[in-house]
PDB file of N, CA and C in Angstrom:
ATOM      1  N   MET A   1      42.925  -5.691  33.692  1.00  0.00           N
ATOM      2  CA  MET A   1      42.690  -5.177  32.362  1.00  0.00           C
ATOM      3  C   MET A   1      43.442  -3.873  32.203  1.00  0.00           C
ATOM      4  N   SER A   2      43.980  -3.683  31.029  1.00  0.00           N
ATOM      5  CA  SER A   2      44.707  -2.434  30.814  1.00  0.00           C
ATOM      6  C   SER A   2      43.740  -1.313  30.514  1.00  0.00           C
ATOM      7  N   ARG A   3      44.246  -0.140  30.663  1.00  0.00           N
ATOM      8  CA  ARG A   3      43.431   1.044  30.445  1.00  0.00           C
ATOM      9  C   ARG A   3      42.952   1.152  28.996  1.00  0.00           C
ATOM     10  N   VAL A   4      43.782   0.770  28.034  1.00  0.00           N
ATOM     11  CA  VAL A   4      43.436   0.837  26.616  1.00  0.00           C
ATOM     12  C   VAL A   4      42.320  -0.146  26.299  1.00  0.00           C
ATOM     13  N   SER A   5      42.419  -1.362  26.760  1.00  0.00           N
ATOM     14  CA  SER A   5      41.388  -2.345  26.447  1.00  0.00           C
ATOM     15  C   SER A   5      40.057  -1.997  27.111  1.00  0.00           C
ATOM     16  N   LEU A   6      40.084  -1.402  28.295  1.00  0.00           N
ATOM     17  CA  LEU A   6      38.859  -0.989  28.965  1.00  0.00           C
ATOM     18  C   LEU A   6      38.164   0.122  28.179  1.00  0.00           C
ATOM     19  N   SER A   7      38.926   1.079  27.671  1.00  0.00           N
ATOM     20  CA  SER A   7      38.319   2.153  26.877  1.00  0.00           C
ATOM     21  C   SER A   7      37.772   1.614  25.564  1.00  0.00           C
ATOM     22  N   ARG A   8      38.423   0.638  24.971  1.00  0.00           N
ATOM     23  CA  ARG A   8      37.910   0.011  23.733  1.00  0.00           C
ATOM     24  C   ARG A   8      36.592  -0.715  24.000  1.00  0.00           C
ATOM     25  N   ILE A   9      36.515  -1.370  25.138  1.00  0.00           N
ATOM     26  CA  ILE A   9      35.281  -2.067  25.501  1.00  0.00           C
ATOM     27  C   ILE A   9      34.151  -1.052  25.682  1.00  0.00           C
ATOM     28  N   MET A  10      34.453   0.046  26.351  1.00  0.00           N
ATOM     29  CA  MET A  10      33.437   1.085  26.557  1.00  0.00           C
ATOM     30  C   MET A  10      32.955   1.654  25.221  1.00  0.00           C
ATOM     31  N   VAL A  11      33.883   1.937  24.306  1.00  0.00           N
ATOM     32  CA  VAL A  11      33.513   2.455  22.986  1.00  0.00           C
ATOM     33  C   VAL A  11      32.654   1.434  22.247  1.00  0.00           C
ATOM     34  N   ALA A  12      33.032   0.182  22.310  1.00  0.00           N
ATOM     35  CA  ALA A  12      32.267  -0.867  21.633  1.00  0.00           C
ATOM     36  C   ALA A  12      30.855  -0.969  22.210  1.00  0.00           C
ATOM     37  N   LEU A  13      30.727  -0.861  23.525  1.00  0.00           N
ATOM     38  CA  LEU A  13      29.404  -0.927  24.142  1.00  0.00           C
ATOM     39  C   LEU A  13      28.532   0.262  23.733  1.00  0.00           C
ATOM     40  N   VAL A  14      29.107   1.450  23.715  1.00  0.00           N
ATOM     41  CA  VAL A  14      28.351   2.639  23.322  1.00  0.00           C
ATOM     42  C   VAL A  14      27.902   2.520  21.871  1.00  0.00           C
ATOM     43  N   LEU A  15      28.813   2.103  20.992  1.00  0.00           N
ATOM     44  CA  LEU A  15      28.458   1.961  19.574  1.00  0.00           C
ATOM     45  C   LEU A  15      27.409   0.885  19.358  1.00  0.00           C
ATOM     46  N   SER A  16      27.549  -0.240  20.035  1.00  0.00           N
ATOM     47  CA  SER A  16      26.560  -1.308  19.850  1.00  0.00           C
ATOM     48  C   SER A  16      25.205  -0.885  20.407  1.00  0.00           C
ATOM     49  N   GLY A  17      25.206  -0.112  21.489  1.00  0.00           N
ATOM     50  CA  GLY A  17      23.938   0.402  22.019  1.00  0.00           C
ATOM     51  C   GLY A  17      23.248   1.300  21.016  1.00  0.00           C
ATOM     52  N   GLY A  18      24.011   2.141  20.317  1.00  0.00           N
ATOM     53  CA  GLY A  18      23.444   3.013  19.279  1.00  0.00           C
ATOM     54  C   GLY A  18      22.883   2.216  18.127  1.00  0.00           C
ATOM     55  N   VAL A  19      23.593   1.171  17.734  1.00  0.00           N
ATOM     56  CA  VAL A  19      23.121   0.317  16.630  1.00  0.00           C
ATOM     57  C   VAL A  19      21.831  -0.390  17.029  1.00  0.00           C
ATOM     58  N   ILE A  20      21.785  -0.896  18.241  1.00  0.00           N
ATOM     59  CA  ILE A  20      20.580  -1.587  18.711  1.00  0.00           C
ATOM     60  C   ILE A  20      19.403  -0.616  18.792  1.00  0.00           C
ATOM     61  N   ALA A  21      19.652   0.577  19.331  1.00  0.00           N
ATOM     62  CA  ALA A  21      18.575   1.568  19.430  1.00  0.00           C
ATOM     63  C   ALA A  21      18.058   1.940  18.046  1.00  0.00           C
ATOM     64  N   GLY A  22      18.961   2.113  17.087  1.00  0.00           N
ATOM     65  CA  GLY A  22      18.554   2.435  15.716  1.00  0.00           C
ATOM     66  C   GLY A  22      17.741   1.311  15.096  1.00  0.00           C
ATOM     67  N   ALA A  23      18.163   0.084  15.321  1.00  0.00           N
ATOM     68  CA  ALA A  23      17.434  -1.059  14.777  1.00  0.00           C
ATOM     69  C   ALA A  23      16.042  -1.166  15.383  1.00  0.00           C
ATOM     70  N   LEU A  24      15.945  -0.907  16.678  1.00  0.00           N
ATOM     71  CA  LEU A  24      14.625  -0.950  17.321  1.00  0.00           C
ATOM     72  C   LEU A  24      13.710   0.131  16.779  1.00  0.00           C
ATOM     73  N   ALA A  25      14.246   1.326  16.593  1.00  0.00           N
ATOM     74  CA  ALA A  25      13.426   2.416  16.059  1.00  0.00           C
ATOM     75  C   ALA A  25      12.973   2.099  14.647  1.00  0.00           C
ATOM     76  N   TYR A  26      13.859   1.582  13.818  1.00  0.00           N
ATOM     77  CA  TYR A  26      13.502   1.223  12.443  1.00  0.00           C
ATOM     78  C   TYR A  26      12.497   0.080  12.455  1.00  0.00           C
ATOM     79  N   GLY A  27      12.706  -0.867  13.336  1.00  0.00           N
ATOM     80  CA  GLY A  27      11.798  -2.011  13.417  1.00  0.00           C
ATOM     81  C   GLY A  27      10.394  -1.585  13.789  1.00  0.00           C
ATOM     82  N   ASP A  28      10.250  -0.628  14.723  1.00  0.00           N
ATOM     83  CA  ASP A  28       8.928  -0.128  15.094  1.00  0.00           C
ATOM     84  C   ASP A  28       8.237   0.516  13.909  1.00  0.00           C
ATOM     85  N   ALA A  29       8.976   1.295  13.125  1.00  0.00           N
ATOM     86  CA  ALA A  29       8.386   1.942  11.953  1.00  0.00           C
ATOM     87  C   ALA A  29       7.970   0.903  10.925  1.00  0.00           C
ATOM     88  N   ALA A  30       8.767  -0.122  10.757  1.00  0.00           N
ATOM     89  CA  ALA A  30       8.441  -1.160   9.779  1.00  0.00           C
ATOM     90  C   ALA A  30       7.218  -1.958  10.223  1.00  0.00           C
ATOM     91  N   LEU A  31       7.105  -2.216  11.529  1.00  0.00           N
ATOM     92  CA  LEU A  31       5.963  -2.962  12.028  1.00  0.00           C
ATOM     93  C   LEU A  31       4.680  -2.155  11.988  1.00  0.00           C
ATOM     94  N   ALA A  32       4.803  -0.842  12.021  1.00  0.00           N
ATOM     95  CA  ALA A  32       3.618   0.010  12.034  1.00  0.00           C
ATOM     96  C   ALA A  32       2.837  -0.093  10.732  1.00  0.00           C
ATOM     97  N   GLY A  33       3.481  -0.442   9.645  1.00  0.00           N
ATOM     98  CA  GLY A  33       2.805  -0.567   8.362  1.00  0.00           C
ATOM     99  C   GLY A  33       2.554   0.780   7.725  1.00  0.00           C
ATOM    100  N   PRO A  34       1.829   0.792   6.620  1.00  0.00           N
ATOM    101  CA  PRO A  34       1.567   2.053   5.931  1.00  0.00           C
ATOM    102  C   PRO A  34       0.618   2.930   6.738  1.00  0.00           C
ATOM    103  N   PRO A  35       0.682   4.235   6.522  1.00  0.00           N
ATOM    104  CA  PRO A  35      -0.227   5.113   7.260  1.00  0.00           C
ATOM    105  C   PRO A  35      -1.680   4.851   6.872  1.00  0.00           C
ATOM    106  N   ASP A  36      -2.583   5.105   7.793  1.00  0.00           N
ATOM    107  CA  ASP A  36      -4.000   4.921   7.499  1.00  0.00           C
ATOM    108  C   ASP A  36      -4.462   6.029   6.545  1.00  0.00           C
ATOM    109  N   PRO A  37      -5.592   5.862   5.870  1.00  0.00           N
ATOM    110  CA  PRO A  37      -6.047   6.854   4.886  1.00  0.00           C
ATOM    111  C   PRO A  37      -6.223   8.262   5.452  1.00  0.00           C
ATOM    112  N   GLN A  38      -6.671   8.367   6.697  1.00  0.00           N
ATOM    113  CA  GLN A  38      -6.855   9.703   7.267  1.00  0.00           C
ATOM    114  C   GLN A  38      -5.514  10.396   7.472  1.00  0.00           C
ATOM    115  N   THR A  39      -4.505   9.646   7.881  1.00  0.00           N
ATOM    116  CA  THR A  39      -3.164  10.207   8.024  1.00  0.00           C
ATOM    117  C   THR A  39      -2.634  10.627   6.657  1.00  0.00           C
ATOM    118  N   GLU A  40      -2.875   9.796   5.648  1.00  0.00           N
ATOM    119  CA  GLU A  40      -2.441  10.145   4.292  1.00  0.00           C
ATOM    120  C   GLU A  40      -3.146  11.410   3.805  1.00  0.00           C
ATOM    121  N   ALA A  41      -4.413  11.569   4.130  1.00  0.00           N
ATOM    122  CA  ALA A  41      -5.153  12.769   3.731  1.00  0.00           C
ATOM    123  C   ALA A  41      -4.545  14.003   4.380  1.00  0.00           C
ATOM    124  N   ARG A  42      -4.229  13.904   5.676  1.00  0.00           N
ATOM    125  CA  ARG A  42      -3.615  15.049   6.364  1.00  0.00           C
ATOM    126  C   ARG A  42      -2.260  15.388   5.766  1.00  0.00           C
ATOM    127  N   MET A  43      -1.458  14.374   5.463  1.00  0.00           N
ATOM    128  CA  MET A  43      -0.136  14.610   4.877  1.00  0.00           C
ATOM    129  C   MET A  43      -0.269  15.242   3.498  1.00  0.00           C
ATOM    130  N   ALA A  44      -1.208  14.761   2.689  1.00  0.00           N
ATOM    131  CA  ALA A  44      -1.412  15.318   1.350  1.00  0.00           C
ATOM    132  C   ALA A  44      -1.910  16.761   1.426  1.00  0.00           C
ATOM    133  N   ALA A  45      -2.772  17.057   2.389  1.00  0.00           N
ATOM    134  CA  ALA A  45      -3.269  18.425   2.550  1.00  0.00           C
ATOM    135  C   ALA A  45      -2.146  19.358   2.996  1.00  0.00           C
ATOM    136  N   ARG A  46      -1.303  18.885   3.917  1.00  0.00           N
ATOM    137  CA  ARG A  46      -0.167  19.708   4.370  1.00  0.00           C
ATOM    138  C   ARG A  46       0.791  20.021   3.233  1.00  0.00           C
ATOM    139  N   SER A  47       0.970  19.053   2.335  1.00  0.00           N
ATOM    140  CA  SER A  47       1.901  19.259   1.213  1.00  0.00           C
ATOM    141  C   SER A  47       1.286  20.110   0.110  1.00  0.00           C
ATOM    142  N   GLY A  48      -0.036  20.337   0.170  1.00  0.00           N
ATOM    143  CA  GLY A  48      -0.710  21.126  -0.845  1.00  0.00           C
ATOM    144  C   GLY A  48      -1.204  20.316  -2.033  1.00  0.00           C
ATOM    145  N   ALA A  49      -1.040  18.989  -1.979  1.00  0.00           N
ATOM    146  CA  ALA A  49      -1.487  18.131  -3.080  1.00  0.00           C
ATOM    147  C   ALA A  49      -3.007  18.056  -3.156  1.00  0.00           C
ATOM    148  N   VAL A  50      -3.672  18.149  -2.006  1.00  0.00           N
ATOM    149  CA  VAL A  50      -5.138  18.092  -1.962  1.00  0.00           C
ATOM    150  C   VAL A  50      -5.641  19.170  -1.015  1.00  0.00           C
ATOM    151  N   ARG A  51      -6.935  19.443  -1.106  1.00  0.00           N
ATOM    152  CA  ARG A  51      -7.572  20.363  -0.165  1.00  0.00           C
ATOM    153  C   ARG A  51      -7.797  19.634   1.145  1.00  0.00           C
ATOM    154  N   SER A  52      -7.842  20.384   2.209  1.00  0.00           N
ATOM    155  CA  SER A  52      -8.091  19.751   3.506  1.00  0.00           C
ATOM    156  C   SER A  52      -9.549  19.294   3.572  1.00  0.00           C
ATOM    157  N   LEU A  53      -9.792  18.350   4.437  1.00  0.00           N
ATOM    158  CA  LEU A  53     -11.159  17.863   4.632  1.00  0.00           C
ATOM    159  C   LEU A  53     -12.067  19.007   5.059  1.00  0.00           C
ATOM    160  N   ARG A  54     -11.583  19.880   5.915  1.00  0.00           N
ATOM    161  CA  ARG A  54     -12.405  21.004   6.388  1.00  0.00           C
ATOM    162  C   ARG A  54     -12.811  21.917   5.234  1.00  0.00           C
ATOM    163  N   GLN A  55     -11.908  22.161   4.300  1.00  0.00           N
ATOM    164  CA  GLN A  55     -12.252  22.977   3.124  1.00  0.00           C
ATOM    165  C   GLN A  55     -13.336  22.288   2.302  1.00  0.00           C
ATOM    166  N   ILE A  56     -13.159  21.000   2.071  1.00  0.00           N
ATOM    167  CA  ILE A  56     -14.133  20.223   1.292  1.00  0.00           C
ATOM    168  C   ILE A  56     -15.496  20.278   1.981  1.00  0.00           C
ATOM    169  N   GLU A  57     -15.514  20.043   3.278  1.00  0.00           N
ATOM    170  CA  GLU A  57     -16.791  20.053   4.012  1.00  0.00           C
ATOM    171  C   GLU A  57     -17.458  21.429   3.938  1.00  0.00           C
ATOM    172  N   ARG A  58     -16.669  22.502   4.068  1.00  0.00           N
ATOM    173  CA  ARG A  58     -17.250  23.859   3.998  1.00  0.00           C
ATOM    174  C   ARG A  58     -17.900  24.118   2.642  1.00  0.00           C
ATOM    175  N   GLU A  59     -17.356  23.531   1.591  1.00  0.00           N
ATOM    176  CA  GLU A  59     -17.886  23.753   0.244  1.00  0.00           C
ATOM    177  C   GLU A  59     -19.064  22.834  -0.081  1.00  0.00           C
ATOM    178  N   VAL A  60     -19.025  21.599   0.392  1.00  0.00           N
ATOM    179  CA  VAL A  60     -20.013  20.593  -0.027  1.00  0.00           C
ATOM    180  C   VAL A  60     -21.230  20.528   0.894  1.00  0.00           C
ATOM    181  N   LEU A  61     -21.016  20.559   2.206  1.00  0.00           N
ATOM    182  CA  LEU A  61     -22.126  20.336   3.144  1.00  0.00           C
ATOM    183  C   LEU A  61     -23.296  21.287   2.970  1.00  0.00           C
ATOM    184  N   PRO A  62     -23.088  22.585   2.723  1.00  0.00           N
ATOM    185  CA  PRO A  62     -24.251  23.470   2.570  1.00  0.00           C
ATOM    186  C   PRO A  62     -25.184  23.078   1.419  1.00  0.00           C
ATOM    187  N   GLY A  63     -24.690  22.391   0.427  1.00  0.00           N
ATOM    188  CA  GLY A  63     -25.513  21.999  -0.713  1.00  0.00           C
ATOM    189  C   GLY A  63     -26.170  20.645  -0.582  1.00  0.00           C
ATOM    190  N   MET A  64     -26.129  20.036   0.583  1.00  0.00           N
ATOM    191  CA  MET A  64     -26.650  18.684   0.739  1.00  0.00           C
ATOM    192  C   MET A  64     -28.078  18.640   1.247  1.00  0.00           C
ATOM    193  N   GLY A  65     -28.785  19.742   1.185  1.00  0.00           N
ATOM    194  CA  GLY A  65     -30.223  19.786   1.399  1.00  0.00           C
ATOM    195  C   GLY A  65     -30.770  19.068   2.603  1.00  0.00           C
ATOM    196  N   GLY A  66     -30.226  19.304   3.770  1.00  0.00           N
ATOM    197  CA  GLY A  66     -30.807  18.752   4.982  1.00  0.00           C
ATOM    198  C   GLY A  66     -30.448  17.301   5.281  1.00  0.00           C
ATOM    199  N   MET A  67     -29.610  16.691   4.473  1.00  0.00           N
ATOM    200  CA  MET A  67     -29.185  15.327   4.798  1.00  0.00           C
ATOM    201  C   MET A  67     -28.308  15.361   6.044  1.00  0.00           C
ATOM    202  N   GLN A  68     -28.363  14.310   6.840  1.00  0.00           N
ATOM    203  CA  GLN A  68     -27.526  14.218   8.033  1.00  0.00           C
ATOM    204  C   GLN A  68     -26.151  13.712   7.623  1.00  0.00           C
ATOM    205  N   TYR A  69     -25.120  14.460   7.991  1.00  0.00           N
ATOM    206  CA  TYR A  69     -23.739  14.109   7.648  1.00  0.00           C
ATOM    207  C   TYR A  69     -23.214  13.093   8.648  1.00  0.00           C
ATOM    208  N   LEU A  70     -22.723  11.958   8.150  1.00  0.00           N
ATOM    209  CA  LEU A  70     -22.212  10.895   9.015  1.00  0.00           C
ATOM    210  C   LEU A  70     -20.693  10.918   9.129  1.00  0.00           C
ATOM    211  N   GLY A  71     -19.999  11.429   8.093  1.00  0.00           N
ATOM    212  CA  GLY A  71     -18.541  11.490   8.181  1.00  0.00           C
ATOM    213  C   GLY A  71     -17.857  11.210   6.861  1.00  0.00           C
ATOM    214  N   PRO A  72     -16.528  11.396   6.854  1.00  0.00           N
ATOM    215  CA  PRO A  72     -15.757  11.233   5.628  1.00  0.00           C
ATOM    216  C   PRO A  72     -14.917   9.961   5.616  1.00  0.00           C
ATOM    217  N   GLU A  73     -14.455   9.618   4.431  1.00  0.00           N
ATOM    218  CA  GLU A  73     -13.389   8.637   4.210  1.00  0.00           C
ATOM    219  C   GLU A  73     -12.498   9.247   3.146  1.00  0.00           C
ATOM    220  N   TYR A  74     -11.218   8.888   3.141  1.00  0.00           N
ATOM    221  CA  TYR A  74     -10.294   9.383   2.125  1.00  0.00           C
ATOM    222  C   TYR A  74      -9.714   8.204   1.388  1.00  0.00           C
ATOM    223  N   ASP A  75      -9.684   8.282   0.065  1.00  0.00           N
ATOM    224  CA  ASP A  75      -9.077   7.249  -0.769  1.00  0.00           C
ATOM    225  C   ASP A  75      -7.802   7.828  -1.363  1.00  0.00           C
ATOM    226  N   PRO A  76      -6.631   7.458  -0.824  1.00  0.00           N
ATOM    227  CA  PRO A  76      -5.390   8.053  -1.309  1.00  0.00           C
ATOM    228  C   PRO A  76      -5.073   7.696  -2.761  1.00  0.00           C
ATOM    229  N   ALA A  77      -5.477   6.526  -3.216  1.00  0.00           N
ATOM    230  CA  ALA A  77      -5.202   6.134  -4.603  1.00  0.00           C
ATOM    231  C   ALA A  77      -5.983   7.008  -5.581  1.00  0.00           C
ATOM    232  N   ALA A  78      -7.243   7.292  -5.254  1.00  0.00           N
ATOM    233  CA  ALA A  78      -8.093   8.110  -6.127  1.00  0.00           C
ATOM    234  C   ALA A  78      -7.956   9.600  -5.831  1.00  0.00           C
ATOM    235  N   MET A  79      -7.297   9.927  -4.710  1.00  0.00           N
ATOM    236  CA  MET A  79      -7.205  11.308  -4.237  1.00  0.00           C
ATOM    237  C   MET A  79      -8.606  11.913  -4.173  1.00  0.00           C
ATOM    238  N   ALA A  80      -9.475  11.191  -3.462  1.00  0.00           N
ATOM    239  CA  ALA A  80     -10.875  11.602  -3.358  1.00  0.00           C
ATOM    240  C   ALA A  80     -11.383  11.375  -1.942  1.00  0.00           C
ATOM    241  N   TYR A  81     -12.287  12.249  -1.538  1.00  0.00           N
ATOM    242  CA  TYR A  81     -13.005  12.077  -0.286  1.00  0.00           C
ATOM    243  C   TYR A  81     -14.360  11.462  -0.611  1.00  0.00           C
ATOM    244  N   ARG A  82     -14.807  10.583   0.235  1.00  0.00           N
ATOM    245  CA  ARG A  82     -16.168  10.058   0.147  1.00  0.00           C
ATOM    246  C   ARG A  82     -16.880  10.529   1.402  1.00  0.00           C
ATOM    247  N   LEU A  83     -17.862  11.391   1.203  1.00  0.00           N
ATOM    248  CA  LEU A  83     -18.643  11.909   2.317  1.00  0.00           C
ATOM    249  C   LEU A  83     -19.907  11.068   2.446  1.00  0.00           C
ATOM    250  N   LYS A  84     -20.201  10.650   3.652  1.00  0.00           N
ATOM    251  CA  LYS A  84     -21.338   9.764   3.895  1.00  0.00           C
ATOM    252  C   LYS A  84     -22.452  10.548   4.578  1.00  0.00           C
ATOM    253  N   PHE A  85     -23.653  10.403   4.019  1.00  0.00           N
ATOM    254  CA  PHE A  85     -24.839  11.080   4.546  1.00  0.00           C
ATOM    255  C   PHE A  85     -25.936  10.054   4.755  1.00  0.00           C
ATOM    256  N   ILE A  86     -26.978  10.456   5.463  1.00  0.00           N
ATOM    257  CA  ILE A  86     -28.180   9.629   5.560  1.00  0.00           C
ATOM    258  C   ILE A  86     -29.369  10.510   5.197  1.00  0.00           C
ATOM    259  N   ARG A  87     -30.236   9.950   4.348  1.00  0.00           N
ATOM    260  CA  ARG A  87     -31.436  10.669   3.893  1.00  0.00           C
ATOM    261  C   ARG A  87     -32.586   9.678   3.862  1.00  0.00           C
ATOM    262  N   GLN A  88     -33.618   9.973   4.604  1.00  0.00           N
ATOM    263  CA  GLN A  88     -34.821   9.131   4.678  1.00  0.00           C
ATOM    264  C   GLN A  88     -34.461   7.666   4.959  1.00  0.00           C
ATOM    265  N   GLY A  89     -33.537   7.478   5.910  1.00  0.00           N
ATOM    266  CA  GLY A  89     -33.167   6.132   6.316  1.00  0.00           C
ATOM    267  C   GLY A  89     -32.189   5.418   5.407  1.00  0.00           C
ATOM    268  N   ARG A  90     -31.741   6.069   4.353  1.00  0.00           N
ATOM    269  CA  ARG A  90     -30.793   5.446   3.419  1.00  0.00           C
ATOM    270  C   ARG A  90     -29.451   6.157   3.466  1.00  0.00           C
ATOM    271  N   VAL A  91     -28.383   5.373   3.389  1.00  0.00           N
ATOM    272  CA  VAL A  91     -27.035   5.938   3.360  1.00  0.00           C
ATOM    273  C   VAL A  91     -26.738   6.410   1.939  1.00  0.00           C
ATOM    274  N   VAL A  92     -26.196   7.611   1.835  1.00  0.00           N
ATOM    275  CA  VAL A  92     -25.898   8.242   0.554  1.00  0.00           C
ATOM    276  C   VAL A  92     -24.420   8.633   0.555  1.00  0.00           C
ATOM    277  N   PHE A  93     -23.712   8.320  -0.516  1.00  0.00           N
ATOM    278  CA  PHE A  93     -22.305   8.677  -0.638  1.00  0.00           C
ATOM    279  C   PHE A  93     -22.144   9.784  -1.667  1.00  0.00           C
ATOM    280  N   VAL A  94     -21.285  10.745  -1.337  1.00  0.00           N
ATOM    281  CA  VAL A  94     -20.943  11.817  -2.264  1.00  0.00           C
ATOM    282  C   VAL A  94     -19.428  11.778  -2.413  1.00  0.00           C
ATOM    283  N   ASP A  95     -18.952  11.529  -3.628  1.00  0.00           N
ATOM    284  CA  ASP A  95     -17.515  11.473  -3.891  1.00  0.00           C
ATOM    285  C   ASP A  95     -17.032  12.822  -4.395  1.00  0.00           C
ATOM    286  N   VAL A  96     -15.924  13.300  -3.789  1.00  0.00           N
ATOM    287  CA  VAL A  96     -15.408  14.631  -4.087  1.00  0.00           C
ATOM    288  C   VAL A  96     -13.931  14.525  -4.442  1.00  0.00           C
ATOM    289  N   ASP A  97     -13.532  15.140  -5.554  1.00  0.00           N
ATOM    290  CA  ASP A  97     -12.126  15.198  -5.942  1.00  0.00           C
ATOM    291  C   ASP A  97     -11.375  16.024  -4.900  1.00  0.00           C
ATOM    292  N   ALA A  98     -10.404  15.420  -4.238  1.00  0.00           N
ATOM    293  CA  ALA A  98      -9.694  16.096  -3.149  1.00  0.00           C
ATOM    294  C   ALA A  98      -8.786  17.210  -3.659  1.00  0.00           C
ATOM    295  N   ARG A  99      -8.406  17.153  -4.923  1.00  0.00           N
ATOM    296  CA  ARG A  99      -7.524  18.196  -5.462  1.00  0.00           C
ATOM    297  C   ARG A  99      -8.296  19.459  -5.802  1.00  0.00           C
ATOM    298  N   THR A 100      -9.502  19.292  -6.367  1.00  0.00           N
ATOM    299  CA  THR A 100     -10.253  20.441  -6.876  1.00  0.00           C
ATOM    300  C   THR A 100     -11.468  20.805  -6.033  1.00  0.00           C
ATOM    301  N   GLY A 101     -11.976  19.854  -5.261  1.00  0.00           N
ATOM    302  CA  GLY A 101     -13.205  20.086  -4.504  1.00  0.00           C
ATOM    303  C   GLY A 101     -14.456  19.836  -5.325  1.00  0.00           C
ATOM    304  N   GLN A 102     -14.306  19.420  -6.567  1.00  0.00           N
ATOM    305  CA  GLN A 102     -15.456  19.143  -7.431  1.00  0.00           C
ATOM    306  C   GLN A 102     -16.137  17.844  -7.026  1.00  0.00           C
ATOM    307  N   ILE A 103     -17.468  17.854  -7.004  1.00  0.00           N
ATOM    308  CA  ILE A 103     -18.228  16.634  -6.731  1.00  0.00           C
ATOM    309  C   ILE A 103     -18.137  15.747  -7.964  1.00  0.00           C
ATOM    310  N   MET A 104     -17.647  14.527  -7.759  1.00  0.00           N
ATOM    311  CA  MET A 104     -17.489  13.569  -8.868  1.00  0.00           C
ATOM    312  C   MET A 104     -18.718  12.694  -9.006  1.00  0.00           C
ATOM    313  N   HIS A 105     -19.344  12.388  -7.872  1.00  0.00           N
ATOM    314  CA  HIS A 105     -20.540  11.542  -7.895  1.00  0.00           C
ATOM    315  C   HIS A 105     -21.421  11.928  -6.717  1.00  0.00           C
ATOM    316  N   ALA A 106     -22.667  12.152  -7.011  1.00  0.00           N
ATOM    317  CA  ALA A 106     -23.659  12.436  -5.967  1.00  0.00           C
ATOM    318  C   ALA A 106     -24.980  11.851  -6.436  1.00  0.00           C
ATOM    319  N   PRO A 107     -25.802  11.391  -5.506  1.00  0.00           N
ATOM    320  CA  PRO A 107     -27.106  10.846  -5.896  1.00  0.00           C
ATOM    321  C   PRO A 107     -28.000  11.961  -6.422  1.00  0.00           C
ATOM    322  N   PRO A 108     -28.968  11.613  -7.252  1.00  0.00           N
ATOM    323  CA  PRO A 108     -29.924  12.639  -7.722  1.00  0.00           C
ATOM    324  C   PRO A 108     -30.680  13.216  -6.531  1.00  0.00           C
ATOM    325  N   ARG A 109     -31.042  14.444  -6.627  1.00  0.00           N
ATOM    326  CA  ARG A 109     -31.784  15.112  -5.547  1.00  0.00           C
ATOM    327  C   ARG A 109     -33.183  14.511  -5.422  1.00  0.00           C
ATOM    328  N   GLY A 110     -33.661  14.459  -4.194  1.00  0.00           N
ATOM    329  CA  GLY A 110     -35.029  14.022  -3.950  1.00  0.00           C
ATOM    330  C   GLY A 110     -35.207  12.521  -3.861  1.00  0.00           C
ATOM    331  N   ARG A 111     -34.178  11.745  -4.076  1.00  0.00           N
ATOM    332  CA  ARG A 111     -34.322  10.286  -3.962  1.00  0.00           C
ATOM    333  C   ARG A 111     -33.885   9.801  -2.630  1.00  0.00           C
TER     334      ARG A 111
END
């Protein structure tokens, strides 16, 4: 083999390796699917579009009158957090606007 053809083969192998590596990386991202709601909440909070979950919890939890806090969910379409509580054996949901921190829906007190 001549020196020129050997160098062309080497260049072709390096370039094809880069193309394959790029395709594999893109394929992994495509297979991963859309981010989960919690990841979307973190991304939205980092961008400043919504308040962080910790901010929401600091504002809302003190007003929940002794209910046991079970945890949050984030709805990226509604840009809202749903905080889950338990009171007297019943699950209670409190919906909070993630942009403003305003409670959108909460059960009546004492029920």
